[in-house]
Amino acid sequence: MKQDYTVFNDAIRFCERCGGPLEARLLKATEPERLVCVRCSFVHYVDPKVAVGTIISDDQGRIVLVRRAIEPGYGKWVFPGGFIDRGETVEAAAVREAREE
């Protein structure tokens, strides 16, 4: 998924952590390009912080849970979910996040 960062080039050109220049990079094939600092590798996410969660059950009525592998909540059981990418529909994000888990 190709993200057009030309809109942001005038407003967001430097890293908020170290002041280094940002460049668009594809970090994951399933996600849009992200602005990444050339100097410190900080990833600047240009998107709203909207999340999606899914409740998945099998034909026996059991519910799917996943164990968190990162903070916050490392090791806790949760429903599959995550952030919605800019331009992504809620439905597409739910399917993507469930498959990623």
PDB file of N, CA and C in Angstrom:
ATOM      1  N   MET A   1       0.852  -1.176   0.000  1.00  0.00           N
ATOM      2  CA  MET A   1       0.000   0.000   0.000  1.00  0.00           C
ATOM      3  C   MET A   1       0.896   1.237   0.000  1.00  0.00           C
ATOM      4  N   LYS A   2       0.844   2.014  -1.043  1.00  0.00           N
ATOM      5  CA  LYS A   2       1.705   3.189  -1.193  1.00  0.00           C
ATOM      6  C   LYS A   2       1.021   4.405  -0.584  1.00  0.00           C
ATOM      7  N   GLN A   3       1.702   5.050   0.339  1.00  0.00           N
ATOM      8  CA  GLN A   3       1.195   6.274   0.977  1.00  0.00           C
ATOM      9  C   GLN A   3       1.867   7.463   0.326  1.00  0.00           C
ATOM     10  N   ASP A   4       1.110   8.487  -0.013  1.00  0.00           N
ATOM     11  CA  ASP A   4       1.681   9.684  -0.624  1.00  0.00           C
ATOM     12  C   ASP A   4       2.037  10.686   0.464  1.00  0.00           C
ATOM     13  N   TYR A   5       3.343  10.835   0.727  1.00  0.00           N
ATOM     14  CA  TYR A   5       3.802  11.742   1.766  1.00  0.00           C
ATOM     15  C   TYR A   5       4.162  13.115   1.220  1.00  0.00           C
ATOM     16  N   THR A   6       3.951  13.361  -0.076  1.00  0.00           N
ATOM     17  CA  THR A   6       4.281  14.675  -0.621  1.00  0.00           C
ATOM     18  C   THR A   6       3.457  15.768   0.042  1.00  0.00           C
ATOM     19  N   VAL A   7       2.264  15.445   0.497  1.00  0.00           N
ATOM     20  CA  VAL A   7       1.404  16.405   1.183  1.00  0.00           C
ATOM     21  C   VAL A   7       2.053  16.873   2.488  1.00  0.00           C
ATOM     22  N   PHE A   8       2.798  15.986   3.131  1.00  0.00           N
ATOM     23  CA  PHE A   8       3.369  16.279   4.436  1.00  0.00           C
ATOM     24  C   PHE A   8       4.794  16.833   4.371  1.00  0.00           C
ATOM     25  N   ASN A   9       5.433  16.794   3.200  1.00  0.00           N
ATOM     26  CA  ASN A   9       6.846  17.169   3.106  1.00  0.00           C
ATOM     27  C   ASN A   9       7.131  18.576   3.599  1.00  0.00           C
ATOM     28  N   ASP A  10       6.260  19.525   3.362  1.00  0.00           N
ATOM     29  CA  ASP A  10       6.499  20.886   3.819  1.00  0.00           C
ATOM     30  C   ASP A  10       6.309  21.019   5.332  1.00  0.00           C
ATOM     31  N   ALA A  11       5.388  20.270   5.890  1.00  0.00           N
ATOM     32  CA  ALA A  11       5.075  20.403   7.305  1.00  0.00           C
ATOM     33  C   ALA A  11       5.936  19.487   8.181  1.00  0.00           C
ATOM     34  N   ILE A  12       6.245  18.298   7.707  1.00  0.00           N
ATOM     35  CA  ILE A  12       6.966  17.321   8.515  1.00  0.00           C
ATOM     36  C   ILE A  12       8.219  16.900   7.752  1.00  0.00           C
ATOM     37  N   ARG A  13       9.347  17.513   8.110  1.00  0.00           N
ATOM     38  CA  ARG A  13      10.589  17.202   7.411  1.00  0.00           C
ATOM     39  C   ARG A  13      11.674  16.677   8.327  1.00  0.00           C
ATOM     40  N   PHE A  14      11.515  16.933   9.643  1.00  0.00           N
ATOM     41  CA  PHE A  14      12.575  16.578  10.577  1.00  0.00           C
ATOM     42  C   PHE A  14      12.038  15.771  11.752  1.00  0.00           C
ATOM     43  N   CYS A  15      12.886  14.945  12.304  1.00  0.00           N
ATOM     44  CA  CYS A  15      12.556  14.054  13.415  1.00  0.00           C
ATOM     45  C   CYS A  15      12.230  14.855  14.673  1.00  0.00           C
ATOM     46  N   GLU A  16      11.176  14.469  15.340  1.00  0.00           N
ATOM     47  CA  GLU A  16      10.790  15.132  16.586  1.00  0.00           C
ATOM     48  C   GLU A  16      11.701  14.744  17.744  1.00  0.00           C
ATOM     49  N   ARG A  17      12.478  13.691  17.604  1.00  0.00           N
ATOM     50  CA  ARG A  17      13.377  13.252  18.671  1.00  0.00           C
ATOM     51  C   ARG A  17      14.779  13.842  18.551  1.00  0.00           C
ATOM     52  N   CYS A  18      15.359  13.782  17.335  1.00  0.00           N
ATOM     53  CA  CYS A  18      16.757  14.195  17.210  1.00  0.00           C
ATOM     54  C   CYS A  18      16.984  15.309  16.195  1.00  0.00           C
ATOM     55  N   GLY A  19      15.955  15.662  15.425  1.00  0.00           N
ATOM     56  CA  GLY A  19      16.098  16.731  14.434  1.00  0.00           C
ATOM     57  C   GLY A  19      16.649  16.281  13.102  1.00  0.00           C
ATOM     58  N   GLY A  20      16.911  14.987  12.956  1.00  0.00           N
ATOM     59  CA  GLY A  20      17.435  14.457  11.694  1.00  0.00           C
ATOM     60  C   GLY A  20      16.375  14.486  10.602  1.00  0.00           C
ATOM     61  N   PRO A  21      16.797  14.368   9.338  1.00  0.00           N
ATOM     62  CA  PRO A  21      15.842  14.378   8.228  1.00  0.00           C
ATOM     63  C   PRO A  21      15.002  13.103   8.196  1.00  0.00           C
ATOM     64  N   LEU A  22      13.748  13.240   7.751  1.00  0.00           N
ATOM     65  CA  LEU A  22      12.850  12.099   7.610  1.00  0.00           C
ATOM     66  C   LEU A  22      12.786  11.682   6.148  1.00  0.00           C
ATOM     67  N   GLU A  23      12.621  10.381   5.923  1.00  0.00           N
ATOM     68  CA  GLU A  23      12.401   9.883   4.569  1.00  0.00           C
ATOM     69  C   GLU A  23      11.321   8.813   4.624  1.00  0.00           C
ATOM     70  N   ALA A  24      10.577   8.651   3.527  1.00  0.00           N
ATOM     71  CA  ALA A  24       9.528   7.639   3.456  1.00  0.00           C
ATOM     72  C   ALA A  24      10.164   6.272   3.216  1.00  0.00           C
ATOM     73  N   ARG A  25       9.767   5.297   4.043  1.00  0.00           N
ATOM     74  CA  ARG A  25      10.268   3.924   3.915  1.00  0.00           C
ATOM     75  C   ARG A  25       9.134   2.942   4.088  1.00  0.00           C
ATOM     76  N   LEU A  26       9.221   1.837   3.375  1.00  0.00           N
ATOM     77  CA  LEU A  26       8.268   0.750   3.544  1.00  0.00           C
ATOM     78  C   LEU A  26       8.832  -0.189   4.606  1.00  0.00           C
ATOM     79  N   LEU A  27       8.197  -0.231   5.774  1.00  0.00           N
ATOM     80  CA  LEU A  27       8.679  -1.061   6.879  1.00  0.00           C
ATOM     81  C   LEU A  27       8.072  -2.454   6.850  1.00  0.00           C
ATOM     82  N   LYS A  28       6.800  -2.543   6.468  1.00  0.00           N
ATOM     83  CA  LYS A  28       6.103  -3.821   6.348  1.00  0.00           C
ATOM     84  C   LYS A  28       5.336  -3.813   5.032  1.00  0.00           C
ATOM     85  N   ALA A  29       5.338  -4.939   4.337  1.00  0.00           N
ATOM     86  CA  ALA A  29       4.661  -5.021   3.040  1.00  0.00           C
ATOM     87  C   ALA A  29       3.158  -4.794   3.150  1.00  0.00           C
ATOM     88  N   THR A  30       2.572  -5.077   4.312  1.00  0.00           N
ATOM     89  CA  THR A  30       1.128  -4.958   4.484  1.00  0.00           C
ATOM     90  C   THR A  30       0.690  -3.571   4.945  1.00  0.00           C
ATOM     91  N   GLU A  31       1.656  -2.658   5.144  1.00  0.00           N
ATOM     92  CA  GLU A  31       1.341  -1.330   5.660  1.00  0.00           C
ATOM     93  C   GLU A  31       1.836  -0.260   4.696  1.00  0.00           C
ATOM     94  N   PRO A  32       1.312   0.970   4.820  1.00  0.00           N
ATOM     95  CA  PRO A  32       1.804   2.056   3.965  1.00  0.00           C
ATOM     96  C   PRO A  32       3.216   2.473   4.370  1.00  0.00           C
ATOM     97  N   GLU A  33       3.886   3.236   3.506  1.00  0.00           N
ATOM     98  CA  GLU A  33       5.189   3.774   3.854  1.00  0.00           C
ATOM     99  C   GLU A  33       5.064   4.654   5.092  1.00  0.00           C
ATOM    100  N   ARG A  34       6.119   4.713   5.877  1.00  0.00           N
ATOM    101  CA  ARG A  34       6.161   5.537   7.082  1.00  0.00           C
ATOM    102  C   ARG A  34       7.316   6.524   6.954  1.00  0.00           C
ATOM    103  N   LEU A  35       7.206   7.662   7.636  1.00  0.00           N
ATOM    104  CA  LEU A  35       8.309   8.611   7.695  1.00  0.00           C
ATOM    105  C   LEU A  35       9.278   8.129   8.763  1.00  0.00           C
ATOM    106  N   VAL A  36      10.549   7.918   8.393  1.00  0.00           N
ATOM    107  CA  VAL A  36      11.559   7.373   9.290  1.00  0.00           C
ATOM    108  C   VAL A  36      12.750   8.324   9.330  1.00  0.00           C
ATOM    109  N   CYS A  37      13.284   8.549  10.517  1.00  0.00           N
ATOM    110  CA  CYS A  37      14.448   9.412  10.679  1.00  0.00           C
ATOM    111  C   CYS A  37      15.693   8.708  10.148  1.00  0.00           C
ATOM    112  N   VAL A  38      16.421   9.401   9.288  1.00  0.00           N
ATOM    113  CA  VAL A  38      17.647   8.864   8.713  1.00  0.00           C
ATOM    114  C   VAL A  38      18.719   8.703   9.791  1.00  0.00           C
ATOM    115  N   ARG A  39      18.694   9.557  10.794  1.00  0.00           N
ATOM    116  CA  ARG A  39      19.730   9.571  11.831  1.00  0.00           C
ATOM    117  C   ARG A  39      19.470   8.555  12.949  1.00  0.00           C
ATOM    118  N   CYS A  40      18.277   8.582  13.557  1.00  0.00           N
ATOM    119  CA  CYS A  40      18.028   7.740  14.743  1.00  0.00           C
ATOM    120  C   CYS A  40      17.023   6.610  14.509  1.00  0.00           C
ATOM    121  N   SER A  41      16.453   6.519  13.310  1.00  0.00           N
ATOM    122  CA  SER A  41      15.498   5.468  12.917  1.00  0.00           C
ATOM    123  C   SER A  41      14.139   5.559  13.602  1.00  0.00           C
ATOM    124  N   PHE A  42      13.831   6.688  14.260  1.00  0.00           N
ATOM    125  CA  PHE A  42      12.506   6.887  14.860  1.00  0.00           C
ATOM    126  C   PHE A  42      11.452   6.884  13.752  1.00  0.00           C
ATOM    127  N   VAL A  43      10.349   6.184  13.981  1.00  0.00           N
ATOM    128  CA  VAL A  43       9.259   6.135  13.009  1.00  0.00           C
ATOM    129  C   VAL A  43       8.211   7.168  13.407  1.00  0.00           C
ATOM    130  N   HIS A  44       7.936   8.104  12.507  1.00  0.00           N
ATOM    131  CA  HIS A  44       6.934   9.140  12.739  1.00  0.00           C
ATOM    132  C   HIS A  44       5.650   8.693  12.042  1.00  0.00           C
ATOM    133  N   TYR A  45       4.641   8.340  12.829  1.00  0.00           N
ATOM    134  CA  TYR A  45       3.374   7.882  12.261  1.00  0.00           C
ATOM    135  C   TYR A  45       2.497   9.079  11.954  1.00  0.00           C
ATOM    136  N   VAL A  46       2.114   9.220  10.683  1.00  0.00           N
ATOM    137  CA  VAL A  46       1.231  10.304  10.248  1.00  0.00           C
ATOM    138  C   VAL A  46      -0.152   9.688  10.072  1.00  0.00           C
ATOM    139  N   ASP A  47      -0.826   9.522  11.182  1.00  0.00           N
ATOM    140  CA  ASP A  47      -2.167   8.957  11.135  1.00  0.00           C
ATOM    141  C   ASP A  47      -2.869   9.221  12.457  1.00  0.00           C
ATOM    142  N   PRO A  48      -4.173   9.205  12.433  1.00  0.00           N
ATOM    143  CA  PRO A  48      -4.892   9.344  13.697  1.00  0.00           C
ATOM    144  C   PRO A  48      -4.703   8.067  14.508  1.00  0.00           C
ATOM    145  N   LYS A  49      -4.839   8.160  15.784  1.00  0.00           N
ATOM    146  CA  LYS A  49      -4.679   6.995  16.648  1.00  0.00           C
ATOM    147  C   LYS A  49      -6.042   6.344  16.892  1.00  0.00           C
ATOM    148  N   VAL A  50      -6.584   5.785  15.828  1.00  0.00           N
ATOM    149  CA  VAL A  50      -7.863   5.093  15.882  1.00  0.00           C
ATOM    150  C   VAL A  50      -7.564   3.601  15.813  1.00  0.00           C
ATOM    151  N   ALA A  51      -8.190   2.852  16.678  1.00  0.00           N
ATOM    152  CA  ALA A  51      -7.914   1.418  16.746  1.00  0.00           C
ATOM    153  C   ALA A  51      -9.161   0.599  16.443  1.00  0.00           C
ATOM    154  N   VAL A  52      -8.931  -0.656  16.137  1.00  0.00           N
ATOM    155  CA  VAL A  52     -10.002  -1.593  15.856  1.00  0.00           C
ATOM    156  C   VAL A  52      -9.753  -2.854  16.680  1.00  0.00           C
ATOM    157  N   GLY A  53     -10.824  -3.471  17.118  1.00  0.00           N
ATOM    158  CA  GLY A  53     -10.730  -4.744  17.821  1.00  0.00           C
ATOM    159  C   GLY A  53     -11.707  -5.724  17.203  1.00  0.00           C
ATOM    160  N   THR A  54     -11.407  -6.993  17.310  1.00  0.00           N
ATOM    161  CA  THR A  54     -12.283  -8.013  16.723  1.00  0.00           C
ATOM    162  C   THR A  54     -12.662  -9.034  17.778  1.00  0.00           C
ATOM    163  N   ILE A  55     -13.857  -9.563  17.642  1.00  0.00           N
ATOM    164  CA  ILE A  55     -14.290 -10.689  18.465  1.00  0.00           C
ATOM    165  C   ILE A  55     -14.560 -11.821  17.494  1.00  0.00           C
ATOM    166  N   ILE A  56     -13.728 -12.825  17.564  1.00  0.00           N
ATOM    167  CA  ILE A  56     -13.799 -13.946  16.624  1.00  0.00           C
ATOM    168  C   ILE A  56     -14.190 -15.193  17.403  1.00  0.00           C
ATOM    169  N   SER A  57     -15.178 -15.920  16.868  1.00  0.00           N
ATOM    170  CA  SER A  57     -15.551 -17.189  17.498  1.00  0.00           C
ATOM    171  C   SER A  57     -15.523 -18.293  16.456  1.00  0.00           C
ATOM    172  N   ASP A  58     -15.311 -19.520  16.928  1.00  0.00           N
ATOM    173  CA  ASP A  58     -15.314 -20.649  16.006  1.00  0.00           C
ATOM    174  C   ASP A  58     -16.699 -21.291  15.997  1.00  0.00           C
ATOM    175  N   ASP A  59     -16.838 -22.375  15.248  1.00  0.00           N
ATOM    176  CA  ASP A  59     -18.155 -23.011  15.116  1.00  0.00           C
ATOM    177  C   ASP A  59     -18.622 -23.702  16.395  1.00  0.00           C
ATOM    178  N   GLN A  60     -17.759 -23.792  17.391  1.00  0.00           N
ATOM    179  CA  GLN A  60     -18.146 -24.350  18.695  1.00  0.00           C
ATOM    180  C   GLN A  60     -18.437 -23.257  19.714  1.00  0.00           C
ATOM    181  N   GLY A  61     -18.379 -21.986  19.265  1.00  0.00           N
ATOM    182  CA  GLY A  61     -18.676 -20.871  20.152  1.00  0.00           C
ATOM    183  C   GLY A  61     -17.514 -20.400  21.000  1.00  0.00           C
ATOM    184  N   ARG A  62     -16.328 -20.961  20.775  1.00  0.00           N
ATOM    185  CA  ARG A  62     -15.154 -20.520  21.522  1.00  0.00           C
ATOM    186  C   ARG A  62     -14.664 -19.190  20.948  1.00  0.00           C
ATOM    187  N   ILE A  63     -14.166 -18.322  21.819  1.00  0.00           N
ATOM    188  CA  ILE A  63     -13.698 -16.997  21.413  1.00  0.00           C
ATOM    189  C   ILE A  63     -12.174 -17.000  21.320  1.00  0.00           C
ATOM    190  N   VAL A  64     -11.674 -16.362  20.261  1.00  0.00           N
ATOM    191  CA  VAL A  64     -10.232 -16.279  20.036  1.00  0.00           C
ATOM    192  C   VAL A  64      -9.651 -15.121  20.848  1.00  0.00           C
ATOM    193  N   LEU A  65      -8.613 -15.424  21.628  1.00  0.00           N
ATOM    194  CA  LEU A  65      -7.846 -14.412  22.350  1.00  0.00           C
ATOM    195  C   LEU A  65      -6.379 -14.585  21.978  1.00  0.00           C
ATOM    196  N   VAL A  66      -5.626 -13.502  22.074  1.00  0.00           N
ATOM    197  CA  VAL A  66      -4.185 -13.553  21.830  1.00  0.00           C
ATOM    198  C   VAL A  66      -3.465 -13.000  23.050  1.00  0.00           C
ATOM    199  N   ARG A  67      -2.250 -13.455  23.259  1.00  0.00           N
ATOM    200  CA  ARG A  67      -1.447 -12.959  24.379  1.00  0.00           C
ATOM    201  C   ARG A  67      -0.556 -11.833  23.864  1.00  0.00           C
ATOM    202  N   ARG A  68      -0.623 -10.676  24.534  1.00  0.00           N
ATOM    203  CA  ARG A  68       0.160  -9.511  24.108  1.00  0.00           C
ATOM    204  C   ARG A  68       1.648  -9.795  24.192  1.00  0.00           C
ATOM    205  N   ALA A  69       2.364  -9.429  23.123  1.00  0.00           N
ATOM    206  CA  ALA A  69       3.807  -9.654  23.046  1.00  0.00           C
ATOM    207  C   ALA A  69       4.588  -8.371  23.304  1.00  0.00           C
ATOM    208  N   ILE A  70       3.880  -7.246  23.474  1.00  0.00           N
ATOM    209  CA  ILE A  70       4.529  -5.956  23.717  1.00  0.00           C
ATOM    210  C   ILE A  70       3.774  -5.208  24.810  1.00  0.00           C
ATOM    211  N   GLU A  71       4.412  -4.195  25.348  1.00  0.00           N
ATOM    212  CA  GLU A  71       3.759  -3.307  26.309  1.00  0.00           C
ATOM    213  C   GLU A  71       2.877  -2.312  25.565  1.00  0.00           C
ATOM    214  N   PRO A  72       1.858  -1.804  26.160  1.00  0.00           N
ATOM    215  CA  PRO A  72       1.399  -2.089  27.517  1.00  0.00           C
ATOM    216  C   PRO A  72       0.659  -3.427  27.574  1.00  0.00           C
ATOM    217  N   GLY A  73       0.672  -4.011  28.707  1.00  0.00           N
ATOM    218  CA  GLY A  73      -0.070  -5.246  28.912  1.00  0.00           C
ATOM    219  C   GLY A  73       0.639  -6.505  28.459  1.00  0.00           C
ATOM    220  N   TYR A  74       1.973  -6.467  28.400  1.00  0.00           N
ATOM    221  CA  TYR A  74       2.737  -7.640  27.964  1.00  0.00           C
ATOM    222  C   TYR A  74       2.270  -8.886  28.711  1.00  0.00           C
ATOM    223  N   GLY A  75       1.977  -9.954  27.954  1.00  0.00           N
ATOM    224  CA  GLY A  75       1.585 -11.229  28.548  1.00  0.00           C
ATOM    225  C   GLY A  75       0.114 -11.377  28.863  1.00  0.00           C
ATOM    226  N   LYS A  76      -0.653 -10.307  28.760  1.00  0.00           N
ATOM    227  CA  LYS A  76      -2.087 -10.387  29.066  1.00  0.00           C
ATOM    228  C   LYS A  76      -2.864 -10.884  27.845  1.00  0.00           C
ATOM    229  N   TRP A  77      -4.021 -11.477  28.108  1.00  0.00           N
ATOM    230  CA  TRP A  77      -4.894 -11.973  27.047  1.00  0.00           C
ATOM    231  C   TRP A  77      -5.805 -10.842  26.560  1.00  0.00           C
ATOM    232  N   VAL A  78      -5.920 -10.696  25.243  1.00  0.00           N
ATOM    233  CA  VAL A  78      -6.731  -9.632  24.646  1.00  0.00           C
ATOM    234  C   VAL A  78      -7.402 -10.139  23.367  1.00  0.00           C
ATOM    235  N   PHE A  79      -8.393  -9.386  22.901  1.00  0.00           N
ATOM    236  CA  PHE A  79      -8.966  -9.644  21.588  1.00  0.00           C
ATOM    237  C   PHE A  79      -7.986  -9.161  20.523  1.00  0.00           C
ATOM    238  N   PRO A  80      -7.931  -9.801  19.352  1.00  0.00           N
ATOM    239  CA  PRO A  80      -7.061  -9.309  18.283  1.00  0.00           C
ATOM    240  C   PRO A  80      -7.478  -7.893  17.877  1.00  0.00           C
ATOM    241  N   GLY A  81      -6.501  -7.044  17.650  1.00  0.00           N
ATOM    242  CA  GLY A  81      -6.808  -5.683  17.240  1.00  0.00           C
ATOM    243  C   GLY A  81      -5.550  -4.862  17.080  1.00  0.00           C
ATOM    244  N   GLY A  82      -5.735  -3.614  16.693  1.00  0.00           N
ATOM    245  CA  GLY A  82      -4.605  -2.714  16.520  1.00  0.00           C
ATOM    246  C   GLY A  82      -5.037  -1.418  15.863  1.00  0.00           C
ATOM    247  N   PHE A  83      -4.061  -0.640  15.435  1.00  0.00           N
ATOM    248  CA  PHE A  83      -4.341   0.671  14.859  1.00  0.00           C
ATOM    249  C   PHE A  83      -4.819   0.587  13.414  1.00  0.00           C
ATOM    250  N   ILE A  84      -5.685   1.510  13.061  1.00  0.00           N
ATOM    251  CA  ILE A  84      -6.151   1.652  11.681  1.00  0.00           C
ATOM    252  C   ILE A  84      -5.193   2.588  10.963  1.00  0.00           C
ATOM    253  N   ASP A  85      -4.731   2.194   9.780  1.00  0.00           N
ATOM    254  CA  ASP A  85      -3.832   3.031   9.000  1.00  0.00           C
ATOM    255  C   ASP A  85      -4.614   4.113   8.259  1.00  0.00           C
ATOM    256  N   ARG A  86      -3.947   5.223   7.988  1.00  0.00           N
ATOM    257  CA  ARG A  86      -4.552   6.326   7.232  1.00  0.00           C
ATOM    258  C   ARG A  86      -5.087   5.798   5.899  1.00  0.00           C
ATOM    259  N   GLY A  87      -6.348   6.098   5.609  1.00  0.00           N
ATOM    260  CA  GLY A  87      -6.962   5.681   4.350  1.00  0.00           C
ATOM    261  C   GLY A  87      -7.521   4.272   4.362  1.00  0.00           C
ATOM    262  N   GLU A  88      -7.343   3.547   5.448  1.00  0.00           N
ATOM    263  CA  GLU A  88      -7.819   2.170   5.547  1.00  0.00           C
ATOM    264  C   GLU A  88      -9.227   2.159   6.131  1.00  0.00           C
ATOM    265  N   THR A  89     -10.082   1.285   5.630  1.00  0.00           N
ATOM    266  CA  THR A  89     -11.423   1.176   6.194  1.00  0.00           C
ATOM    267  C   THR A  89     -11.346   0.391   7.502  1.00  0.00           C
ATOM    268  N   VAL A  90     -12.363   0.572   8.330  1.00  0.00           N
ATOM    269  CA  VAL A  90     -12.433  -0.156   9.599  1.00  0.00           C
ATOM    270  C   VAL A  90     -12.471  -1.655   9.337  1.00  0.00           C
ATOM    271  N   GLU A  91     -13.251  -2.055   8.342  1.00  0.00           N
ATOM    272  CA  GLU A  91     -13.383  -3.479   8.020  1.00  0.00           C
ATOM    273  C   GLU A  91     -12.043  -4.068   7.571  1.00  0.00           C
ATOM    274  N   ALA A  92     -11.342  -3.345   6.697  1.00  0.00           N
ATOM    275  CA  ALA A  92     -10.046  -3.830   6.207  1.00  0.00           C
ATOM    276  C   ALA A  92      -9.035  -3.914   7.349  1.00  0.00           C
ATOM    277  N   ALA A  93      -9.058  -2.937   8.246  1.00  0.00           N
ATOM    278  CA  ALA A  93      -8.140  -2.948   9.390  1.00  0.00           C
ATOM    279  C   ALA A  93      -8.438  -4.133  10.307  1.00  0.00           C
ATOM    280  N   ALA A  94      -9.710  -4.416  10.536  1.00  0.00           N
ATOM    281  CA  ALA A  94     -10.086  -5.540  11.400  1.00  0.00           C
ATOM    282  C   ALA A  94      -9.584  -6.860  10.819  1.00  0.00           C
ATOM    283  N   VAL A  95      -9.767  -7.048   9.529  1.00  0.00           N
ATOM    284  CA  VAL A  95      -9.303  -8.278   8.875  1.00  0.00           C
ATOM    285  C   VAL A  95      -7.775  -8.359   8.931  1.00  0.00           C
ATOM    286  N   ARG A  96      -7.096  -7.257   8.617  1.00  0.00           N
ATOM    287  CA  ARG A  96      -5.625  -7.238   8.626  1.00  0.00           C
ATOM    288  C   ARG A  96      -5.080  -7.536  10.020  1.00  0.00           C
ATOM    289  N   GLU A  97      -5.621  -6.877  11.027  1.00  0.00           N
ATOM    290  CA  GLU A  97      -5.139  -7.081  12.391  1.00  0.00           C
ATOM    291  C   GLU A  97      -5.397  -8.514  12.863  1.00  0.00           C
ATOM    292  N   ALA A  98      -6.553  -9.062  12.545  1.00  0.00           N
ATOM    293  CA  ALA A  98      -6.861 -10.453  12.942  1.00  0.00           C
ATOM    294  C   ALA A  98      -5.888 -11.414  12.273  1.00  0.00           C
ATOM    295  N   ARG A  99      -5.562 -11.177  11.012  1.00  0.00           N
ATOM    296  CA  ARG A  99      -4.616 -12.064  10.299  1.00  0.00           C
ATOM    297  C   ARG A  99      -3.202 -11.906  10.851  1.00  0.00           C
ATOM    298  N   GLU A 100      -2.823 -10.663  11.210  1.00  0.00           N
ATOM    299  CA  GLU A 100      -1.492 -10.437  11.770  1.00  0.00           C
ATOM    300  C   GLU A 100      -1.310 -11.148  13.109  1.00  0.00           C
ATOM    301  N   GLU A 101      -2.381 -11.221  13.882  1.00  0.00           N
ATOM    302  CA  GLU A 101      -2.301 -11.877  15.191  1.00  0.00           C
ATOM    303  C   GLU A 101      -2.210 -13.377  15.017  1.00  0.00           C
TER     304      GLU A 101
END
